[in-house]
Amino acid sequence: MRQFAEQFVLDQMTVDPTSRVEVSSGPIDDRLGIHACSGHLTARLAGSEEVRRTNSVYLKCEAEPIWDLYLPVRVKVLRPFVSVADAAPRGTVLDEGLMTIEFMDEILLRGDTFSDTAPLVGSRLKRDLRAGQPVRQNQICVVCRGDKVEIQALTGGMQIKTQGTALQDGSFGEAIRVENNRSKRVIQAVVAHAGKVRVDL
């Protein structure tokens, strides 16, 4: 009956395939003396049509002798996040071998975390990071001050590339000052990837 209730709750949910779901039901009091009800058991969510973290599932046996009960069912959705496998000090350059994917309750996983390691390759830590701690946007510089970067300028259907030097730290989507190594002109460019910035003309 507990498995039936848990599976019923799972069947009502639409979950991101990258996430994990933990469903657990409360115990059933043996003193109730209810009998097995294979093939005649029904379930519905009591008081709500939406699955929440804490639910009450109404179970009813449609076969004689008829019985019913309310069973508490808790739901926990675990979201993926990028962390480091071992403690990494400030200045560490992230690579695939250093990073790992962990899971945490979505209620606790707040802020600008990452669920994919690929975009972070080549980024540098701005502070010490413990194993199992989420990598957050404000903890890294995708492009760091003094880095040599490729400037990609987009104009119409053309793309022009040249080399530059970052004058500020920046993370994904942030605008930073970059010096064009050829013209020595300082421009505002948006951080696209590690070692690459973008300018829209």
Protein backbone atom coordinates (compact mmCIF):
# COMPACT_ATOMS: atom_id res chain seq x y z
CA MET A 1 0.00 0.00 0.00
CA ARG A 2 2.86 2.36 0.77
CA GLN A 3 4.49 1.54 -2.56
CA PHE A 4 1.15 2.05 -4.30
CA ALA A 5 0.79 5.51 -2.74
CA GLU A 6 4.37 6.48 -3.57
CA GLN A 7 4.04 5.35 -7.18
CA PHE A 8 0.73 7.21 -7.47
CA VAL A 9 2.43 10.45 -6.40
CA LEU A 10 5.32 9.88 -8.81
CA ASP A 11 2.86 9.33 -11.65
CA GLN A 12 1.34 12.78 -11.02
CA MET A 13 4.68 14.54 -11.39
CA THR A 14 6.50 16.00 -14.38
CA VAL A 15 10.18 16.15 -13.48
CA ASP A 16 13.20 17.42 -15.37
CA PRO A 17 15.01 14.25 -16.54
CA THR A 18 18.29 15.58 -15.14
CA SER A 19 16.82 15.66 -11.62
CA ARG A 20 16.18 12.92 -9.11
CA VAL A 21 13.04 12.42 -7.04
CA GLU A 22 12.78 10.83 -3.61
CA VAL A 23 9.30 9.81 -2.47
CA SER A 24 8.64 8.37 0.98
CA SER A 25 5.37 7.49 2.68
CA GLY A 26 4.63 7.38 6.35
CA PRO A 27 4.04 4.12 8.27
CA ILE A 28 0.65 2.42 8.41
CA ASP A 29 -0.61 1.66 11.89
CA ASP A 30 -0.84 -2.14 12.28
CA ARG A 31 -3.69 -1.68 14.75
CA LEU A 32 -5.97 -0.57 11.91
CA GLY A 33 -6.30 -4.20 10.88
CA ILE A 34 -6.76 -3.41 7.19
CA HIS A 35 -6.50 -6.28 4.70
CA ALA A 36 -4.63 -6.54 1.42
CA CYS A 37 -6.54 -5.04 -1.47
CA SER A 38 -4.75 -6.16 -4.60
CA GLY A 39 -6.49 -4.98 -7.76
CA HIS A 40 -9.13 -2.98 -5.90
CA LEU A 41 -7.07 -0.16 -4.41
CA THR A 42 -7.62 3.45 -5.55
CA ALA A 43 -5.74 6.64 -4.69
CA ARG A 44 -6.16 10.37 -5.00
CA LEU A 45 -4.49 13.45 -3.61
CA ALA A 46 -6.47 14.81 -0.70
CA GLY A 47 -7.27 18.52 -0.76
CA SER A 48 -5.12 19.37 -3.79
CA GLU A 49 -4.57 18.34 -7.38
CA GLU A 50 -0.89 19.33 -7.30
CA VAL A 51 1.94 17.34 -5.81
CA ARG A 52 3.74 19.24 -3.07
CA ARG A 53 6.61 18.47 -0.72
CA THR A 54 4.14 17.10 1.81
CA ASN A 55 1.04 15.32 0.52
CA SER A 56 -1.89 13.40 1.91
CA VAL A 57 -2.91 10.48 -0.27
CA TYR A 58 -6.40 9.08 0.20
CA LEU A 59 -6.35 5.30 -0.26
CA LYS A 60 -9.55 3.30 -0.55
CA CYS A 61 -10.17 -0.40 -0.94
CA GLU A 62 -13.19 -0.92 -3.17
CA ALA A 63 -13.51 -4.61 -2.27
CA GLU A 64 -15.35 -5.93 0.79
CA PRO A 65 -14.70 -5.26 3.54
CA ILE A 66 -14.23 -1.69 2.32
CA TRP A 67 -11.69 0.47 4.13
CA ASP A 68 -9.98 3.80 3.57
CA LEU A 69 -7.16 5.82 5.07
CA TYR A 70 -5.05 8.93 4.56
CA LEU A 71 -1.33 8.30 4.10
CA PRO A 72 1.28 11.10 4.30
CA VAL A 73 3.74 11.10 1.40
CA ARG A 74 6.78 13.37 1.28
CA VAL A 75 8.47 14.40 -1.96
CA LYS A 76 12.01 15.68 -2.38
CA VAL A 77 13.34 16.86 -5.75
CA LEU A 78 17.12 16.78 -6.03
CA ARG A 79 18.67 19.09 -8.62
CA PRO A 80 22.11 18.57 -10.19
CA PHE A 81 24.91 21.05 -9.59
CA VAL A 82 28.57 21.30 -10.49
CA SER A 83 31.06 20.95 -7.66
CA VAL A 84 34.70 19.94 -7.26
CA ALA A 85 35.72 16.39 -6.38
CA ASP A 86 38.45 17.64 -4.02
CA ALA A 87 39.06 20.93 -2.24
CA ALA A 88 40.36 23.50 -4.72
CA PRO A 89 42.15 26.72 -3.74
CA ARG A 90 41.63 30.15 -5.21
CA GLY A 91 43.22 30.47 -8.64
CA THR A 92 42.51 26.87 -9.65
CA VAL A 93 41.64 26.50 -13.33
CA LEU A 94 38.65 24.19 -13.68
CA ASP A 95 38.83 21.17 -15.96
CA GLU A 96 36.65 18.10 -16.49
CA GLY A 97 38.84 15.95 -14.24
CA LEU A 98 38.43 18.33 -11.30
CA MET A 99 34.68 18.85 -11.53
CA THR A 100 31.85 16.52 -10.59
CA ILE A 101 28.04 16.54 -10.64
CA GLU A 102 26.31 16.35 -7.25
CA PHE A 103 22.63 16.51 -6.25
CA MET A 104 20.92 18.62 -3.62
CA ASP A 105 17.37 19.30 -2.45
CA GLU A 106 16.05 22.07 -4.71
CA ILE A 107 14.87 24.00 -1.65
CA LEU A 108 18.47 24.25 -0.44
CA LEU A 109 20.04 24.75 -3.86
CA ARG A 110 19.56 28.47 -4.35
CA GLY A 111 21.45 30.99 -6.43
CA ASP A 112 23.28 30.86 -9.72
CA THR A 113 24.63 27.31 -9.80
CA PHE A 114 25.58 25.27 -12.88
CA SER A 115 24.26 21.87 -13.95
CA ASP A 116 26.79 21.23 -16.74
CA THR A 117 30.57 21.10 -16.43
CA ALA A 118 31.39 21.81 -20.09
CA PRO A 119 30.90 25.63 -20.07
CA LEU A 120 33.08 25.93 -16.94
CA VAL A 121 36.19 24.33 -18.41
CA GLY A 122 38.96 26.94 -18.38
CA SER A 123 37.28 29.13 -15.74
CA ARG A 124 39.29 30.14 -12.68
CA LEU A 125 38.19 30.08 -9.04
CA LYS A 126 38.12 33.46 -7.29
CA ARG A 127 37.95 31.84 -3.86
CA ASP A 128 38.65 28.52 -2.14
CA LEU A 129 36.05 25.82 -2.80
CA ARG A 130 35.29 22.76 -0.69
CA ALA A 131 34.45 19.38 -2.15
CA GLY A 132 30.67 19.11 -2.54
CA GLN A 133 30.16 22.89 -2.50
CA PRO A 134 28.29 24.29 -5.53
CA VAL A 135 30.30 26.32 -8.03
CA ARG A 136 28.49 29.64 -8.30
CA GLN A 137 28.81 32.40 -10.84
CA ASN A 138 30.27 34.89 -8.36
CA GLN A 139 32.98 32.38 -7.38
CA ILE A 140 34.60 32.17 -10.80
CA CYS A 141 36.00 34.34 -13.51
CA VAL A 142 35.37 32.85 -16.92
CA VAL A 143 37.68 35.55 -18.24
CA CYS A 144 40.12 36.98 -15.70
CA ARG A 145 41.95 40.28 -15.63
CA GLY A 146 45.12 40.01 -17.68
CA ASP A 147 43.92 37.02 -19.71
CA LYS A 148 44.55 36.96 -23.44
CA VAL A 149 41.14 36.63 -25.10
CA GLU A 150 39.67 36.26 -28.54
CA ILE A 151 37.38 39.17 -29.41
CA GLN A 152 34.52 38.18 -31.68
CA ALA A 153 32.85 41.14 -33.36
CA LEU A 154 29.53 40.49 -35.08
CA THR A 155 28.33 42.85 -37.77
CA GLY A 156 25.53 41.93 -40.15
CA GLY A 157 26.22 38.37 -41.24
CA MET A 158 29.98 38.71 -40.75
CA GLN A 159 32.18 37.72 -37.84
CA ILE A 160 35.51 39.42 -37.22
CA LYS A 161 38.02 37.97 -34.78
CA THR A 162 41.00 39.63 -33.16
CA GLN A 163 43.05 39.28 -30.01
CA GLY A 164 42.71 41.32 -26.85
CA THR A 165 43.57 41.52 -23.16
CA ALA A 166 40.93 41.48 -20.42
CA LEU A 167 41.14 44.47 -18.08
CA GLN A 168 38.54 43.07 -15.65
CA ASP A 169 37.32 39.76 -14.28
CA GLY A 170 34.05 38.59 -15.80
CA SER A 171 31.63 35.69 -15.73
CA PHE A 172 29.11 34.50 -18.31
CA GLY A 173 27.11 37.33 -19.86
CA GLU A 174 28.92 40.09 -17.98
CA ALA A 175 30.28 43.15 -19.79
CA ILE A 176 33.95 43.85 -19.14
CA ARG A 177 36.61 46.22 -20.47
CA VAL A 178 38.95 44.65 -23.01
CA GLU A 179 41.93 46.16 -24.78
CA ASN A 180 42.31 45.38 -28.48
CA ASN A 181 45.92 44.22 -28.76
CA ARG A 182 46.26 45.58 -32.29
CA SER A 183 44.63 49.00 -32.01
CA LYS A 184 45.15 49.42 -28.22
CA ARG A 185 41.56 50.65 -28.09
CA VAL A 186 39.60 49.76 -24.92
CA ILE A 187 36.12 48.39 -25.61
CA GLN A 188 33.20 46.91 -23.70
CA ALA A 189 32.72 43.24 -24.50
CA VAL A 190 30.45 40.49 -23.17
CA VAL A 191 32.00 37.31 -21.75
CA ALA A 192 30.90 34.36 -23.91
CA HIS A 193 33.21 31.48 -22.93
CA ALA A 194 36.56 30.94 -21.30
CA GLY A 195 39.01 32.95 -23.36
CA LYS A 196 36.33 34.50 -25.58
CA VAL A 197 34.38 37.75 -25.50
CA ARG A 198 31.77 39.13 -27.88
CA VAL A 199 31.07 42.59 -29.27
CA ASP A 200 27.92 43.36 -31.25
CA LEU A 201 28.51 46.14 -33.79
